[in-house]
N, C-alpha and C. Protein backbone atom coordinates (compact mmCIF):
# COMPACT_ATOMS: atom_id res chain seq x y z
N MET A 1 188.89 94.03 102.38
CA MET A 1 187.81 94.34 101.47
C MET A 1 188.48 94.70 100.09
N LEU A 2 187.65 94.59 99.07
CA LEU A 2 188.08 94.95 97.78
C LEU A 2 188.51 96.43 97.63
N ALA A 3 187.79 97.25 98.35
CA ALA A 3 188.03 98.77 98.24
C ALA A 3 189.38 99.11 98.79
N ARG A 4 189.73 98.40 99.90
CA ARG A 4 191.03 98.69 100.54
C ARG A 4 192.13 98.16 99.68
N SER A 5 191.98 97.06 99.00
CA SER A 5 193.08 96.45 98.25
C SER A 5 193.18 97.22 96.94
N LEU A 6 192.18 97.91 96.39
CA LEU A 6 192.21 98.57 95.13
C LEU A 6 192.54 99.99 95.22
N MET A 7 192.44 100.52 96.53
CA MET A 7 192.58 102.01 96.76
C MET A 7 193.95 102.44 96.34
N PRO A 8 195.06 101.72 96.65
CA PRO A 8 196.36 102.24 96.21
C PRO A 8 196.46 102.35 94.64
N VAL A 9 195.84 101.28 93.93
CA VAL A 9 195.90 101.27 92.50
C VAL A 9 195.12 102.46 91.98
N VAL A 10 193.90 102.62 92.50
CA VAL A 10 193.02 103.66 92.01
C VAL A 10 193.55 105.05 92.35
N SER A 11 194.10 105.20 93.53
CA SER A 11 194.62 106.51 93.95
C SER A 11 195.98 106.87 93.12
N SER A 12 196.72 105.77 92.72
CA SER A 12 197.94 106.11 92.02
C SER A 12 197.69 106.74 90.68
N LEU A 13 196.47 106.29 90.03
CA LEU A 13 196.14 106.77 88.79
C LEU A 13 195.59 108.19 88.90
N THR A 14 195.61 108.91 87.93
CA THR A 14 195.22 110.31 87.95
C THR A 14 193.71 110.35 87.57
N LEU A 15 192.92 109.71 88.42
CA LEU A 15 191.46 109.69 88.19
C LEU A 15 190.68 110.60 89.19
N PRO A 16 189.63 111.05 88.83
CA PRO A 16 188.84 111.79 89.80
C PRO A 16 188.33 110.82 90.90
N THR A 17 188.05 111.30 92.04
CA THR A 17 187.70 110.52 93.17
C THR A 17 186.35 109.69 92.85
N TRP A 18 185.43 110.47 92.23
CA TRP A 18 184.13 109.79 91.90
C TRP A 18 184.23 108.64 90.94
N LEU A 19 185.18 108.80 89.95
CA LEU A 19 185.46 107.64 89.02
C LEU A 19 186.12 106.48 89.68
N GLY A 20 187.02 106.72 90.66
CA GLY A 20 187.60 105.64 91.35
C GLY A 20 186.65 104.92 92.20
N GLU A 21 185.72 105.53 92.81
CA GLU A 21 184.70 105.00 93.55
C GLU A 21 183.74 104.19 92.78
N ILE A 22 183.45 104.61 91.52
CA ILE A 22 182.60 103.97 90.59
C ILE A 22 183.31 102.60 90.25
N LEU A 23 184.56 102.67 89.89
CA LEU A 23 185.31 101.51 89.51
C LEU A 23 185.35 100.44 90.58
N ILE A 24 185.51 100.87 91.80
CA ILE A 24 185.56 99.98 93.01
C ILE A 24 184.22 99.31 93.24
N SER A 25 183.17 100.20 93.12
CA SER A 25 181.80 99.60 93.24
C SER A 25 181.43 98.55 92.14
N LEU A 26 181.95 98.85 90.89
CA LEU A 26 181.73 97.91 89.76
C LEU A 26 182.49 96.68 90.04
N GLY A 27 183.61 96.71 90.60
CA GLY A 27 184.35 95.48 91.04
C GLY A 27 183.63 94.67 92.11
N VAL A 28 183.21 95.23 93.04
CA VAL A 28 182.35 94.62 94.10
C VAL A 28 181.12 93.92 93.55
N ALA A 29 180.43 94.67 92.73
CA ALA A 29 179.18 94.14 92.07
C ALA A 29 179.50 92.99 91.14
N ALA A 30 180.60 93.05 90.46
CA ALA A 30 180.96 91.91 89.56
C ALA A 30 181.28 90.68 90.37
N ARG A 31 182.01 90.84 91.44
CA ARG A 31 182.29 89.71 92.32
C ARG A 31 181.13 89.12 92.90
N THR A 32 180.21 89.96 93.42
CA THR A 32 178.98 89.46 94.03
C THR A 32 177.99 88.77 93.03
N ILE A 33 177.96 89.26 91.86
CA ILE A 33 177.11 88.67 90.79
C ILE A 33 177.78 87.23 90.31
N THR A 34 178.97 87.23 90.27
CA THR A 34 179.73 85.99 89.92
C THR A 34 179.50 84.93 90.96
N VAL A 35 179.59 85.25 92.29
CA VAL A 35 179.31 84.29 93.30
C VAL A 35 177.87 83.79 93.33
N PHE A 36 176.93 84.74 93.13
CA PHE A 36 175.51 84.22 93.06
C PHE A 36 175.30 83.41 91.78
N ALA A 37 175.90 83.80 90.70
CA ALA A 37 175.76 82.94 89.47
C ALA A 37 176.19 81.59 89.61
N ALA A 38 177.37 81.40 90.27
CA ALA A 38 177.89 80.09 90.49
C ALA A 38 177.02 79.29 91.41
N ALA A 39 176.42 79.95 92.51
CA ALA A 39 175.56 79.17 93.43
C ALA A 39 174.30 78.78 92.63
N VAL A 40 173.74 79.64 91.85
CA VAL A 40 172.55 79.32 91.08
C VAL A 40 172.83 78.24 90.02
N ALA A 41 173.99 78.26 89.43
CA ALA A 41 174.32 77.19 88.44
C ALA A 41 174.44 75.95 89.16
N PHE A 42 175.06 75.92 90.36
CA PHE A 42 175.21 74.60 91.12
C PHE A 42 173.88 74.16 91.49
N GLY A 43 172.95 75.03 92.00
CA GLY A 43 171.58 74.70 92.35
C GLY A 43 170.82 74.00 91.11
N ILE A 44 171.00 74.71 89.90
CA ILE A 44 170.25 74.09 88.75
C ILE A 44 170.85 72.64 88.50
N LEU A 45 172.15 72.49 88.58
CA LEU A 45 172.77 71.15 88.31
C LEU A 45 172.25 70.16 89.29
N VAL A 46 172.16 70.49 90.57
CA VAL A 46 171.67 69.58 91.63
C VAL A 46 170.19 69.25 91.30
N ALA A 47 169.40 70.30 91.00
CA ALA A 47 168.04 69.96 90.67
C ALA A 47 167.83 69.09 89.56
N ILE A 48 168.67 69.24 88.48
CA ILE A 48 168.55 68.36 87.38
C ILE A 48 169.00 66.98 87.68
N LYS A 49 170.18 66.82 88.32
CA LYS A 49 170.85 65.59 88.55
C LYS A 49 170.15 64.82 89.70
N PHE A 50 169.82 65.43 90.81
CA PHE A 50 169.30 64.66 91.96
C PHE A 50 167.83 64.90 92.25
N GLY A 51 167.38 66.16 91.94
CA GLY A 51 166.06 66.39 92.30
C GLY A 51 164.92 66.31 91.23
N GLU A 52 165.34 65.60 90.16
CA GLU A 52 164.42 65.36 89.02
C GLU A 52 163.77 66.65 88.67
N GLY A 53 164.40 67.71 88.65
CA GLY A 53 163.84 68.94 88.12
C GLY A 53 163.08 69.72 89.15
N ASN A 54 163.11 69.35 90.40
CA ASN A 54 162.43 70.03 91.47
C ASN A 54 163.09 71.29 91.87
N PRO A 55 162.47 72.48 91.62
CA PRO A 55 163.15 73.75 91.97
C PRO A 55 163.53 73.98 93.43
N TRP A 56 162.77 73.41 94.29
CA TRP A 56 163.04 73.61 95.72
C TRP A 56 164.31 72.93 96.14
N ILE A 57 164.68 71.77 95.55
CA ILE A 57 166.01 71.12 95.79
C ILE A 57 167.09 71.95 95.33
N GLY A 58 166.98 72.57 94.13
CA GLY A 58 167.87 73.44 93.47
C GLY A 58 168.18 74.62 94.33
N ALA A 59 166.98 75.30 94.87
CA ALA A 59 167.08 76.45 95.69
C ALA A 59 167.81 76.14 96.93
N ALA A 60 167.49 75.03 97.51
CA ALA A 60 168.25 74.57 98.79
C ALA A 60 169.68 74.39 98.56
N ALA A 61 169.99 73.72 97.50
CA ALA A 61 171.43 73.59 97.15
C ALA A 61 172.17 74.91 97.00
N ALA A 62 171.49 75.87 96.26
CA ALA A 62 172.12 77.12 96.00
C ALA A 62 172.34 77.98 97.40
N VAL A 63 171.37 77.91 98.23
CA VAL A 63 171.38 78.55 99.65
C VAL A 63 172.48 77.83 100.38
N GLY A 64 172.51 76.48 100.27
CA GLY A 64 173.59 75.80 101.05
C GLY A 64 174.94 76.14 100.56
N VAL A 65 175.21 76.32 99.33
CA VAL A 65 176.54 76.69 98.87
C VAL A 65 176.78 78.03 99.42
N LEU A 66 175.85 79.00 99.32
CA LEU A 66 176.06 80.46 99.83
C LEU A 66 176.36 80.40 101.38
N LEU A 67 175.58 79.67 102.12
CA LEU A 67 175.73 79.66 103.59
C LEU A 67 176.94 78.85 104.10
N PHE A 68 177.17 77.67 103.50
CA PHE A 68 178.14 76.81 104.03
C PHE A 68 179.56 76.78 103.34
N VAL A 69 179.63 77.48 102.24
CA VAL A 69 180.82 77.58 101.49
C VAL A 69 181.31 78.95 101.27
N VAL A 70 180.51 79.79 100.64
CA VAL A 70 180.90 81.16 100.36
C VAL A 70 181.01 82.02 101.67
N LEU A 71 180.06 81.92 102.49
CA LEU A 71 180.09 82.70 103.69
C LEU A 71 181.24 82.42 104.61
N PRO A 72 181.52 81.21 104.89
CA PRO A 72 182.62 80.90 105.82
C PRO A 72 184.01 81.23 105.09
N VAL A 73 184.15 80.93 103.83
CA VAL A 73 185.48 81.32 103.24
C VAL A 73 185.55 82.88 103.17
N ARG A 74 184.46 83.54 102.94
CA ARG A 74 184.63 85.06 102.99
C ARG A 74 184.94 85.62 104.38
N LEU A 75 184.33 85.02 105.42
CA LEU A 75 184.70 85.43 106.77
C LEU A 75 186.16 84.98 107.18
N TRP A 76 186.62 83.91 106.68
CA TRP A 76 187.89 83.48 106.94
C TRP A 76 188.85 84.38 106.26
N TRP A 77 188.55 84.73 105.01
CA TRP A 77 189.43 85.68 104.25
C TRP A 77 189.51 86.91 104.94
N LEU A 78 188.44 87.55 105.33
CA LEU A 78 188.44 88.81 106.14
C LEU A 78 189.20 88.81 107.41
N GLY A 79 189.00 87.65 108.13
CA GLY A 79 189.77 87.48 109.34
C GLY A 79 191.31 87.28 109.29
N SER A 80 191.62 86.57 108.25
CA SER A 80 193.04 86.34 107.97
C SER A 80 193.84 87.60 107.52
N ARG A 81 193.14 88.50 106.77
CA ARG A 81 193.84 89.70 106.34
C ARG A 81 193.86 90.75 107.39
N GLY A 82 192.94 90.63 108.34
CA GLY A 82 192.90 91.63 109.38
C GLY A 82 194.02 91.36 110.46
N ARG A 83 194.59 90.19 110.54
CA ARG A 83 195.60 89.91 111.52
C ARG A 83 196.95 90.44 111.09
């Protein structure tokens, strides 16, 4: 996880614990928002290109990216780091 990878960096700084936890939380939130923004942008492009502006096709494409690309990659990443 991000918290485990950033904890040595945050703990080596002379920061209060609460500030380190806030920085880690902001990092997780930024990564989450970036992934969802990329999925939504892909859904919009699919809706424009293939769906003739149909929002349901764009939503299905965005959910498909999240379920079939982002989730397996994230699970694989967690599994490979745990070994």
